[in-house]
Amino acid sequence: MWSSTDGVAWEQITDPGPWEPRAGAAAVVLGERLFLLGGEDGFTCTPLPDCDARYFKDVWSTTDGAD
């Protein structure tokens, strides 16, 4: 996980998240919480384009970007 206050200088604040790599996920902010919603394995499954992409039905959230 990475953080930036200006979008130019980035700092790694934690190791990769516990979720699997994905494409097409949505990220939204509600109040003080960031949510990562769903996505699919479409760009990470192999062999492309004939693989059967999985769709994720999970939601991850954080208030600080690290936990």
PDB file of N, CA and C in Angstrom:
ATOM      1  N   MET A   1       0.856  -1.159   0.000  1.00  0.00           N
ATOM      2  CA  MET A   1       0.000   0.000   0.000  1.00  0.00           C
ATOM      3  C   MET A   1       0.905   1.226   0.000  1.00  0.00           C
ATOM      4  N   TRP A   2       0.517   2.209  -0.766  1.00  0.00           N
ATOM      5  CA  TRP A   2       1.308   3.424  -0.926  1.00  0.00           C
ATOM      6  C   TRP A   2       0.458   4.634  -0.574  1.00  0.00           C
ATOM      7  N   SER A   3       1.121   5.704  -0.132  1.00  0.00           N
ATOM      8  CA  SER A   3       0.432   6.933   0.254  1.00  0.00           C
ATOM      9  C   SER A   3       1.171   8.135  -0.334  1.00  0.00           C
ATOM     10  N   SER A   4       0.401   9.155  -0.698  1.00  0.00           N
ATOM     11  CA  SER A   4       0.984  10.389  -1.210  1.00  0.00           C
ATOM     12  C   SER A   4       0.096  11.565  -0.816  1.00  0.00           C
ATOM     13  N   THR A   5       0.711  12.647  -0.424  1.00  0.00           N
ATOM     14  CA  THR A   5      -0.059  13.856  -0.125  1.00  0.00           C
ATOM     15  C   THR A   5      -0.144  14.786  -1.328  1.00  0.00           C
ATOM     16  N   ASP A   6       0.746  14.571  -2.328  1.00  0.00           N
ATOM     17  CA  ASP A   6       0.763  15.462  -3.490  1.00  0.00           C
ATOM     18  C   ASP A   6       0.636  14.739  -4.828  1.00  0.00           C
ATOM     19  N   GLY A   7       0.591  13.397  -4.824  1.00  0.00           N
ATOM     20  CA  GLY A   7       0.488  12.633  -6.052  1.00  0.00           C
ATOM     21  C   GLY A   7       1.794  12.517  -6.819  1.00  0.00           C
ATOM     22  N   VAL A   8       2.872  13.073  -6.281  1.00  0.00           N
ATOM     23  CA  VAL A   8       4.186  13.019  -6.920  1.00  0.00           C
ATOM     24  C   VAL A   8       5.143  12.161  -6.099  1.00  0.00           C
ATOM     25  N   ALA A   9       5.269  12.475  -4.824  1.00  0.00           N
ATOM     26  CA  ALA A   9       6.135  11.714  -3.918  1.00  0.00           C
ATOM     27  C   ALA A   9       5.286  10.656  -3.211  1.00  0.00           C
ATOM     28  N   TRP A  10       5.703   9.380  -3.308  1.00  0.00           N
ATOM     29  CA  TRP A  10       4.951   8.270  -2.745  1.00  0.00           C
ATOM     30  C   TRP A  10       5.777   7.552  -1.696  1.00  0.00           C
ATOM     31  N   GLU A  11       5.085   7.060  -0.664  1.00  0.00           N
ATOM     32  CA  GLU A  11       5.726   6.334   0.423  1.00  0.00           C
ATOM     33  C   GLU A  11       4.992   5.010   0.623  1.00  0.00           C
ATOM     34  N   GLN A  12       5.746   3.896   0.684  1.00  0.00           N
ATOM     35  CA  GLN A  12       5.118   2.605   0.955  1.00  0.00           C
ATOM     36  C   GLN A  12       4.823   2.528   2.442  1.00  0.00           C
ATOM     37  N   ILE A  13       3.531   2.328   2.792  1.00  0.00           N
ATOM     38  CA  ILE A  13       3.145   2.330   4.201  1.00  0.00           C
ATOM     39  C   ILE A  13       2.884   0.935   4.753  1.00  0.00           C
ATOM     40  N   THR A  14       2.721  -0.060   3.871  1.00  0.00           N
ATOM     41  CA  THR A  14       2.528  -1.436   4.307  1.00  0.00           C
ATOM     42  C   THR A  14       2.800  -2.376   3.145  1.00  0.00           C
ATOM     43  N   ASP A  15       2.958  -3.649   3.439  1.00  0.00           N
ATOM     44  CA  ASP A  15       3.121  -4.651   2.395  1.00  0.00           C
ATOM     45  C   ASP A  15       1.847  -4.734   1.565  1.00  0.00           C
ATOM     46  N   PRO A  16       1.891  -5.483   0.457  1.00  0.00           N
ATOM     47  CA  PRO A  16       0.670  -5.620  -0.355  1.00  0.00           C
ATOM     48  C   PRO A  16      -0.520  -6.061   0.493  1.00  0.00           C
ATOM     49  N   GLY A  17      -1.699  -5.627   0.089  1.00  0.00           N
ATOM     50  CA  GLY A  17      -2.917  -5.969   0.811  1.00  0.00           C
ATOM     51  C   GLY A  17      -3.195  -7.462   0.760  1.00  0.00           C
ATOM     52  N   PRO A  18      -4.104  -7.950   1.589  1.00  0.00           N
ATOM     53  CA  PRO A  18      -4.405  -9.378   1.641  1.00  0.00           C
ATOM     54  C   PRO A  18      -5.302  -9.855   0.507  1.00  0.00           C
ATOM     55  N   TRP A  19      -5.783  -8.964  -0.349  1.00  0.00           N
ATOM     56  CA  TRP A  19      -6.649  -9.371  -1.443  1.00  0.00           C
ATOM     57  C   TRP A  19      -5.818  -9.819  -2.637  1.00  0.00           C
ATOM     58  N   GLU A  20      -6.459 -10.592  -3.521  1.00  0.00           N
ATOM     59  CA  GLU A  20      -5.795 -11.096  -4.714  1.00  0.00           C
ATOM     60  C   GLU A  20      -5.698  -9.988  -5.762  1.00  0.00           C
ATOM     61  N   PRO A  21      -4.699 -10.062  -6.663  1.00  0.00           N
ATOM     62  CA  PRO A  21      -4.615  -9.089  -7.763  1.00  0.00           C
ATOM     63  C   PRO A  21      -5.904  -9.126  -8.567  1.00  0.00           C
ATOM     64  N   ARG A  22      -6.323  -7.969  -9.061  1.00  0.00           N
ATOM     65  CA  ARG A  22      -7.592  -7.895  -9.772  1.00  0.00           C
ATOM     66  C   ARG A  22      -7.620  -6.724 -10.728  1.00  0.00           C
ATOM     67  N   ALA A  23      -8.565  -6.772 -11.638  1.00  0.00           N
ATOM     68  CA  ALA A  23      -8.823  -5.684 -12.580  1.00  0.00           C
ATOM     69  C   ALA A  23     -10.277  -5.264 -12.407  1.00  0.00           C
ATOM     70  N   GLY A  24     -10.580  -4.034 -12.768  1.00  0.00           N
ATOM     71  CA  GLY A  24     -11.954  -3.580 -12.777  1.00  0.00           C
ATOM     72  C   GLY A  24     -12.600  -3.403 -11.420  1.00  0.00           C
ATOM     73  N   ALA A  25     -11.819  -3.343 -10.357  1.00  0.00           N
ATOM     74  CA  ALA A  25     -12.391  -3.099  -9.030  1.00  0.00           C
ATOM     75  C   ALA A  25     -12.817  -1.638  -8.928  1.00  0.00           C
ATOM     76  N   ALA A  26     -13.661  -1.337  -7.974  1.00  0.00           N
ATOM     77  CA  ALA A  26     -14.067   0.037  -7.696  1.00  0.00           C
ATOM     78  C   ALA A  26     -13.544   0.428  -6.318  1.00  0.00           C
ATOM     79  N   ALA A  27     -13.161   1.675  -6.184  1.00  0.00           N
ATOM     80  CA  ALA A  27     -12.754   2.213  -4.880  1.00  0.00           C
ATOM     81  C   ALA A  27     -13.610   3.436  -4.601  1.00  0.00           C
ATOM     82  N   VAL A  28     -14.206   3.475  -3.429  1.00  0.00           N
ATOM     83  CA  VAL A  28     -15.054   4.601  -3.039  1.00  0.00           C
ATOM     84  C   VAL A  28     -14.715   5.027  -1.620  1.00  0.00           C
ATOM     85  N   VAL A  29     -15.000   6.274  -1.321  1.00  0.00           N
ATOM     86  CA  VAL A  29     -14.804   6.808   0.027  1.00  0.00           C
ATOM     87  C   VAL A  29     -16.171   7.161   0.587  1.00  0.00           C
ATOM     88  N   LEU A  30     -16.420   6.730   1.819  1.00  0.00           N
ATOM     89  CA  LEU A  30     -17.641   7.070   2.531  1.00  0.00           C
ATOM     90  C   LEU A  30     -17.231   7.506   3.925  1.00  0.00           C
ATOM     91  N   GLY A  31     -17.432   8.745   4.238  1.00  0.00           N
ATOM     92  CA  GLY A  31     -16.994   9.278   5.524  1.00  0.00           C
ATOM     93  C   GLY A  31     -15.486   9.204   5.631  1.00  0.00           C
ATOM     94  N   GLU A  32     -14.998   8.532   6.657  1.00  0.00           N
ATOM     95  CA  GLU A  32     -13.559   8.393   6.892  1.00  0.00           C
ATOM     96  C   GLU A  32     -13.036   7.034   6.435  1.00  0.00           C
ATOM     97  N   ARG A  33     -13.803   6.316   5.620  1.00  0.00           N
ATOM     98  CA  ARG A  33     -13.432   4.947   5.251  1.00  0.00           C
ATOM     99  C   ARG A  33     -13.308   4.812   3.739  1.00  0.00           C
ATOM    100  N   LEU A  34     -12.260   4.094   3.287  1.00  0.00           N
ATOM    101  CA  LEU A  34     -12.050   3.766   1.880  1.00  0.00           C
ATOM    102  C   LEU A  34     -12.473   2.318   1.662  1.00  0.00           C
ATOM    103  N   PHE A  35     -13.246   2.059   0.616  1.00  0.00           N
ATOM    104  CA  PHE A  35     -13.720   0.718   0.294  1.00  0.00           C
ATOM    105  C   PHE A  35     -13.183   0.279  -1.066  1.00  0.00           C
ATOM    106  N   LEU A  36     -12.716  -0.980  -1.143  1.00  0.00           N
ATOM    107  CA  LEU A  36     -12.347  -1.626  -2.403  1.00  0.00           C
ATOM    108  C   LEU A  36     -13.412  -2.679  -2.666  1.00  0.00           C
ATOM    109  N   LEU A  37     -14.063  -2.595  -3.820  1.00  0.00           N
ATOM    110  CA  LEU A  37     -15.214  -3.442  -4.121  1.00  0.00           C
ATOM    111  C   LEU A  37     -14.965  -4.315  -5.344  1.00  0.00           C
ATOM    112  N   GLY A  38     -15.091  -5.622  -5.177  1.00  0.00           N
ATOM    113  CA  GLY A  38     -15.133  -6.569  -6.277  1.00  0.00           C
ATOM    114  C   GLY A  38     -13.985  -6.515  -7.255  1.00  0.00           C
ATOM    115  N   GLY A  39     -14.329  -6.654  -8.523  1.00  0.00           N
ATOM    116  CA  GLY A  39     -13.358  -6.725  -9.600  1.00  0.00           C
ATOM    117  C   GLY A  39     -13.382  -8.111 -10.214  1.00  0.00           C
ATOM    118  N   GLU A  40     -12.398  -8.360 -11.069  1.00  0.00           N
ATOM    119  CA  GLU A  40     -12.333  -9.639 -11.746  1.00  0.00           C
ATOM    120  C   GLU A  40     -10.900 -10.025 -12.019  1.00  0.00           C
ATOM    121  N   ASP A  41     -10.722 -11.289 -12.343  1.00  0.00           N
ATOM    122  CA  ASP A  41      -9.407 -11.843 -12.619  1.00  0.00           C
ATOM    123  C   ASP A  41      -9.096 -11.762 -14.114  1.00  0.00           C
ATOM    124  N   GLY A  42      -9.817 -10.948 -14.848  1.00  0.00           N
ATOM    125  CA  GLY A  42      -9.750 -10.907 -16.307  1.00  0.00           C
ATOM    126  C   GLY A  42      -8.421 -10.533 -16.905  1.00  0.00           C
ATOM    127  N   PHE A  43      -7.671  -9.632 -16.294  1.00  0.00           N
ATOM    128  CA  PHE A  43      -6.391  -9.224 -16.858  1.00  0.00           C
ATOM    129  C   PHE A  43      -5.232  -9.975 -16.233  1.00  0.00           C
ATOM    130  N   THR A  44      -5.511 -10.769 -15.211  1.00  0.00           N
ATOM    131  CA  THR A  44      -4.436 -11.489 -14.549  1.00  0.00           C
ATOM    132  C   THR A  44      -4.523 -12.996 -14.762  1.00  0.00           C
ATOM    133  N   CYS A  45      -5.639 -13.491 -15.338  1.00  0.00           N
ATOM    134  CA  CYS A  45      -5.712 -14.930 -15.591  1.00  0.00           C
ATOM    135  C   CYS A  45      -4.970 -15.252 -16.890  1.00  0.00           C
ATOM    136  N   THR A  46      -4.514 -16.477 -17.019  1.00  0.00           N
ATOM    137  CA  THR A  46      -3.787 -16.871 -18.217  1.00  0.00           C
ATOM    138  C   THR A  46      -4.292 -18.221 -18.688  1.00  0.00           C
ATOM    139  N   PRO A  47      -4.261 -18.543 -19.946  1.00  0.00           N
ATOM    140  CA  PRO A  47      -3.759 -17.691 -21.028  1.00  0.00           C
ATOM    141  C   PRO A  47      -4.857 -16.773 -21.557  1.00  0.00           C
ATOM    142  N   LEU A  48      -4.559 -15.513 -21.737  1.00  0.00           N
ATOM    143  CA  LEU A  48      -5.496 -14.573 -22.345  1.00  0.00           C
ATOM    144  C   LEU A  48      -5.582 -14.855 -23.827  1.00  0.00           C
ATOM    145  N   PRO A  49      -6.652 -14.678 -24.540  1.00  0.00           N
ATOM    146  CA  PRO A  49      -7.953 -14.203 -24.069  1.00  0.00           C
ATOM    147  C   PRO A  49      -8.904 -15.336 -23.713  1.00  0.00           C
ATOM    148  N   ASP A  50      -8.410 -16.563 -23.667  1.00  0.00           N
ATOM    149  CA  ASP A  50      -9.299 -17.716 -23.523  1.00  0.00           C
ATOM    150  C   ASP A  50      -9.511 -18.207 -22.100  1.00  0.00           C
ATOM    151  N   CYS A  51      -8.956 -17.527 -21.110  1.00  0.00           N
ATOM    152  CA  CYS A  51      -9.133 -18.004 -19.734  1.00  0.00           C
ATOM    153  C   CYS A  51     -10.529 -17.656 -19.220  1.00  0.00           C
ATOM    154  N   ASP A  52     -10.963 -18.367 -18.219  1.00  0.00           N
ATOM    155  CA  ASP A  52     -12.283 -18.151 -17.622  1.00  0.00           C
ATOM    156  C   ASP A  52     -12.102 -17.249 -16.413  1.00  0.00           C
ATOM    157  N   ALA A  53     -12.343 -15.968 -16.594  1.00  0.00           N
ATOM    158  CA  ALA A  53     -12.097 -14.983 -15.533  1.00  0.00           C
ATOM    159  C   ALA A  53     -13.049 -15.170 -14.365  1.00  0.00           C
ATOM    160  N   ARG A  54     -12.486 -15.122 -13.142  1.00  0.00           N
ATOM    161  CA  ARG A  54     -13.312 -15.161 -11.935  1.00  0.00           C
ATOM    162  C   ARG A  54     -13.745 -13.743 -11.594  1.00  0.00           C
ATOM    163  N   TYR A  55     -14.943 -13.617 -11.042  1.00  0.00           N
ATOM    164  CA  TYR A  55     -15.425 -12.341 -10.538  1.00  0.00           C
ATOM    165  C   TYR A  55     -15.380 -12.376  -9.019  1.00  0.00           C
ATOM    166  N   PHE A  56     -14.807 -11.349  -8.425  1.00  0.00           N
ATOM    167  CA  PHE A  56     -14.711 -11.275  -6.972  1.00  0.00           C
ATOM    168  C   PHE A  56     -15.965 -10.631  -6.408  1.00  0.00           C
ATOM    169  N   LYS A  57     -16.432 -11.149  -5.287  1.00  0.00           N
ATOM    170  CA  LYS A  57     -17.614 -10.606  -4.613  1.00  0.00           C
ATOM    171  C   LYS A  57     -17.222 -10.200  -3.201  1.00  0.00           C
ATOM    172  N   ASP A  58     -16.069  -9.521  -3.085  1.00  0.00           N
ATOM    173  CA  ASP A  58     -15.576  -9.158  -1.763  1.00  0.00           C
ATOM    174  C   ASP A  58     -15.522  -7.644  -1.596  1.00  0.00           C
ATOM    175  N   VAL A  59     -15.455  -7.230  -0.351  1.00  0.00           N
ATOM    176  CA  VAL A  59     -15.335  -5.807  -0.005  1.00  0.00           C
ATOM    177  C   VAL A  59     -14.256  -5.693   1.060  1.00  0.00           C
ATOM    178  N   TRP A  60     -13.316  -4.792   0.825  1.00  0.00           N
ATOM    179  CA  TRP A  60     -12.257  -4.512   1.795  1.00  0.00           C
ATOM    180  C   TRP A  60     -12.372  -3.044   2.183  1.00  0.00           C
ATOM    181  N   SER A  61     -12.084  -2.721   3.434  1.00  0.00           N
ATOM    182  CA  SER A  61     -12.184  -1.319   3.836  1.00  0.00           C
ATOM    183  C   SER A  61     -11.063  -0.972   4.815  1.00  0.00           C
ATOM    184  N   THR A  62     -10.765   0.332   4.872  1.00  0.00           N
ATOM    185  CA  THR A  62      -9.723   0.832   5.754  1.00  0.00           C
ATOM    186  C   THR A  62     -10.036   2.286   6.145  1.00  0.00           C
ATOM    187  N   THR A  63      -9.574   2.664   7.287  1.00  0.00           N
ATOM    188  CA  THR A  63      -9.676   4.068   7.699  1.00  0.00           C
ATOM    189  C   THR A  63      -8.335   4.773   7.629  1.00  0.00           C
ATOM    190  N   ASP A  64      -7.245   3.987   7.533  1.00  0.00           N
ATOM    191  CA  ASP A  64      -5.920   4.609   7.517  1.00  0.00           C
ATOM    192  C   ASP A  64      -5.038   4.164   6.361  1.00  0.00           C
ATOM    193  N   GLY A  65      -5.514   3.264   5.500  1.00  0.00           N
ATOM    194  CA  GLY A  65      -4.748   2.792   4.375  1.00  0.00           C
ATOM    195  C   GLY A  65      -3.726   1.720   4.722  1.00  0.00           C
ATOM    196  N   ALA A  66      -3.560   1.414   5.986  1.00  0.00           N
ATOM    197  CA  ALA A  66      -2.579   0.413   6.406  1.00  0.00           C
ATOM    198  C   ALA A  66      -3.237  -0.812   7.023  1.00  0.00           C
ATOM    199  N   ASP A  67      -4.363  -0.655   7.688  1.00  0.00           N
ATOM    200  CA  ASP A  67      -5.059  -1.763   8.354  1.00  0.00           C
ATOM    201  C   ASP A  67      -6.438  -1.975   7.748  1.00  0.00           C
TER     202      ASP A  67
END
